[in-house]
Every structure is written in structure tokens, then in C-alpha cells.
Protein backbone atom coordinates (compact mmCIF):
# COMPACT_ATOMS: atom_id res chain seq x y z
CA MET A 1 200.79 7.51 20.28
CA ALA A 2 199.86 11.05 19.33
CA ARG A 3 199.01 12.84 16.11
CA VAL A 4 201.34 15.69 15.26
CA GLU A 5 201.37 18.37 12.60
CA SER A 6 204.19 20.69 13.59
CA VAL A 7 206.39 21.52 16.57
CA GLY A 8 208.98 24.15 17.36
CA SER A 9 211.97 21.80 17.01
CA TYR A 10 211.81 18.18 15.89
CA GLU A 11 215.41 17.71 16.98
CA ARG A 12 214.55 18.68 20.56
CA LEU A 13 211.31 16.68 20.53
CA LEU A 14 212.87 13.48 19.20
CA TYR A 15 215.78 13.73 21.63
CA GLY A 16 213.20 13.85 24.46
CA ARG A 17 213.71 17.47 25.49
CA HIS A 18 210.70 19.16 27.03
CA SER A 19 211.64 22.50 25.45
CA TYR A 20 210.83 21.35 21.92
CA ASN A 21 208.23 24.09 21.33
CA ASN A 22 210.35 27.12 22.11
CA VAL A 23 213.77 28.49 21.34
CA ALA A 24 215.42 31.17 23.47
CA ASN A 25 216.10 34.49 21.78
CA SER A 26 213.95 33.64 18.79
CA CYS A 27 213.28 36.57 16.47
CA TYR A 28 210.12 34.98 15.03
CA TYR A 29 207.68 35.22 17.92
CA PRO A 30 207.61 36.99 21.28
CA HIS A 31 208.57 35.17 24.48
CA GLY A 32 211.09 32.93 22.71
CA TRP A 33 208.58 31.06 20.54
CA LYS A 34 209.45 30.45 16.93
CA GLU A 35 207.44 29.47 13.89
CA PRO A 36 206.61 25.73 14.02
CA GLU A 37 208.40 23.40 11.63
CA ASN A 38 207.17 20.32 9.79
CA VAL A 39 208.82 17.17 8.53
CA PRO A 40 209.09 17.55 4.74
CA GLU A 41 205.95 16.33 2.96
CA HIS A 42 204.40 15.28 6.25
CA ASP A 43 201.16 13.36 6.02
CA HIS A 44 199.39 11.14 8.55
CA GLY A 45 202.13 11.85 11.09
CA LEU A 46 202.13 10.03 14.41
CA LEU A 47 204.47 10.10 17.39
CA PHE A 48 205.28 6.97 19.34
CA LYS A 49 207.03 7.18 22.70
CA LYS A 50 208.36 4.26 24.70
CA SER A 51 206.88 4.57 28.18
CA GLY A 52 209.34 5.55 30.88
CA THR A 53 211.99 6.73 28.41
CA SER A 54 212.71 9.74 26.22
CA GLN A 55 212.69 7.55 23.10
CA ILE A 56 210.30 8.98 20.52
CA VAL A 57 209.76 8.00 16.88
CA TYR A 58 207.90 10.17 14.37
CA VAL A 59 206.10 8.04 11.78
CA ASN A 60 205.35 9.86 8.53
CA GLN A 61 203.11 8.16 5.95
CA PRO A 62 202.98 10.36 2.84
CA TYR A 63 201.83 9.16 -0.56
CA SER A 64 205.21 10.25 -1.94
CA PHE A 65 208.20 12.28 -0.81
CA ASP A 66 211.54 13.65 -1.95
CA ARG A 67 214.32 11.56 -0.39
CA THR A 68 216.93 14.27 -0.92
CA LYS A 69 214.82 16.89 0.83
CA LEU A 70 214.19 14.51 3.76
CA GLU A 71 217.89 13.68 4.08
CA GLU A 72 218.91 17.36 4.09
CA TRP A 73 216.21 18.15 6.67
CA CYS A 74 217.32 15.29 8.95
CA ASN A 75 221.02 16.14 8.58
CA GLU A 76 220.37 19.74 9.63
CA ARG A 77 218.75 18.42 12.84
CA SER A 78 221.03 15.46 13.65
CA LEU A 79 218.16 13.01 13.11
CA ILE A 80 218.04 9.55 11.57
CA TYR A 81 215.43 8.40 9.09
CA VAL A 82 214.43 4.89 8.06
CA ILE A 83 212.32 4.19 4.98
CA CYS A 84 210.21 1.08 5.45
CA ASP A 85 208.70 -1.13 2.78
CA LYS A 86 205.30 0.28 1.74
CA LYS A 87 203.58 -2.92 2.85
CA TYR A 88 204.34 -1.99 6.49
CA SER A 89 202.51 1.33 6.30
CA PHE A 90 199.48 1.12 8.55
CA TYR A 91 197.67 4.18 7.19
CA TYR A 92 197.19 2.76 3.67
CA PRO A 93 199.44 -0.31 3.18
CA ASP A 94 201.19 -0.60 -0.19
CA ASN A 95 200.01 2.90 -1.16
CA THR A 96 201.65 5.23 1.33
CA GLU A 97 205.28 5.37 2.28
CA MET A 98 206.29 4.75 5.88
CA VAL A 99 209.21 6.85 7.07
CA LEU A 100 210.47 6.70 10.65
CA VAL A 101 212.35 9.73 11.98
CA MET A 102 214.19 9.47 15.30
CA SER A 103 217.19 10.55 17.30
CA ASN A 104 220.47 8.72 16.95
CA ASP A 105 220.05 7.46 20.55
CA THR A 106 216.67 5.89 19.75
CA TYR A 107 218.03 4.36 16.55
CA ILE A 108 220.95 2.77 18.42
CA GLU A 109 218.61 1.43 21.14
CA TYR A 110 216.45 -0.42 18.59
CA PHE A 111 219.15 -1.51 16.15
CA ASP A 112 219.41 -4.96 17.81
CA LEU A 113 215.72 -5.88 17.47
CA PRO A 114 215.01 -9.25 15.76
CA ASP A 115 214.52 -8.83 12.00
CA TRP A 116 216.05 -5.35 12.19
CA PRO A 117 217.28 -4.28 9.66
CA LEU A 118 216.22 -7.23 7.49
CA ARG A 119 212.73 -5.79 6.83
CA TRP A 120 213.84 -2.18 6.51
CA ASP A 121 215.56 0.01 3.96
CA LEU A 122 217.98 1.83 6.28
CA LEU A 123 219.13 5.28 5.36
CA ALA A 124 220.94 7.59 7.73
């Protein structure tokens, strides 16, 4: 588990690529670095990585968010998002949202978990 504010590329990070903080030929910063990006309306963001794999999930727990903006952001990066019931938020249960953002590969890996998707509002 790690706290995160912004990275160079969430798509690269969540697909387990070590080059998530730089982009070749970037015009924003010297040496290939670009301006960091954030998940829309990020708040209380945490990263969870399954040990020994490249499977990473970003957990965002904002007080509110724009679903359309999140969907557009994820679509631009080939990422999946899952909106959980507010009672599962561990930052401030029943008061903050809990949104999981992950790669398609990670989503497919966990799709067969017991009670999945029964407890979750799946949106992709």
C-alpha cells in the first residue's frame, strides 16, 4: 500500500510498467519527463499492489466526483473503474465514495472472486 498524489502516466503505472513517470520525447519537461497527471477529483488516494505481480489498484476515496469525467479519463487511458458502495470506503465509511481504478488485466484476474460483483457497482 502506498499513498499517491500524481504520476506521469496512470495507464503505465496500473499496467505495471516501470516507466510510468516518464514519457519519451515529451515537450513538457526536459529529459523526457512530463507534467504529472491525477485521477479526476482524487482524494485520499492509495495504491495496492499484489506481491509478486504487476497487478496494481488505485483506490480513490473522494467526498464526491463526476462519473462522466472519470469515465472519459479512464477511457482515454484504457483503464477500468469500479464504484463501490459507500459503506465499503475505509477512509470515512458512508461519507466518502470508494472508486477502484485498474488495468483490464487486473480486473479480469479478480473478476472471479467470491461475492464479486455482488457487492460492487461495476462500471467499465
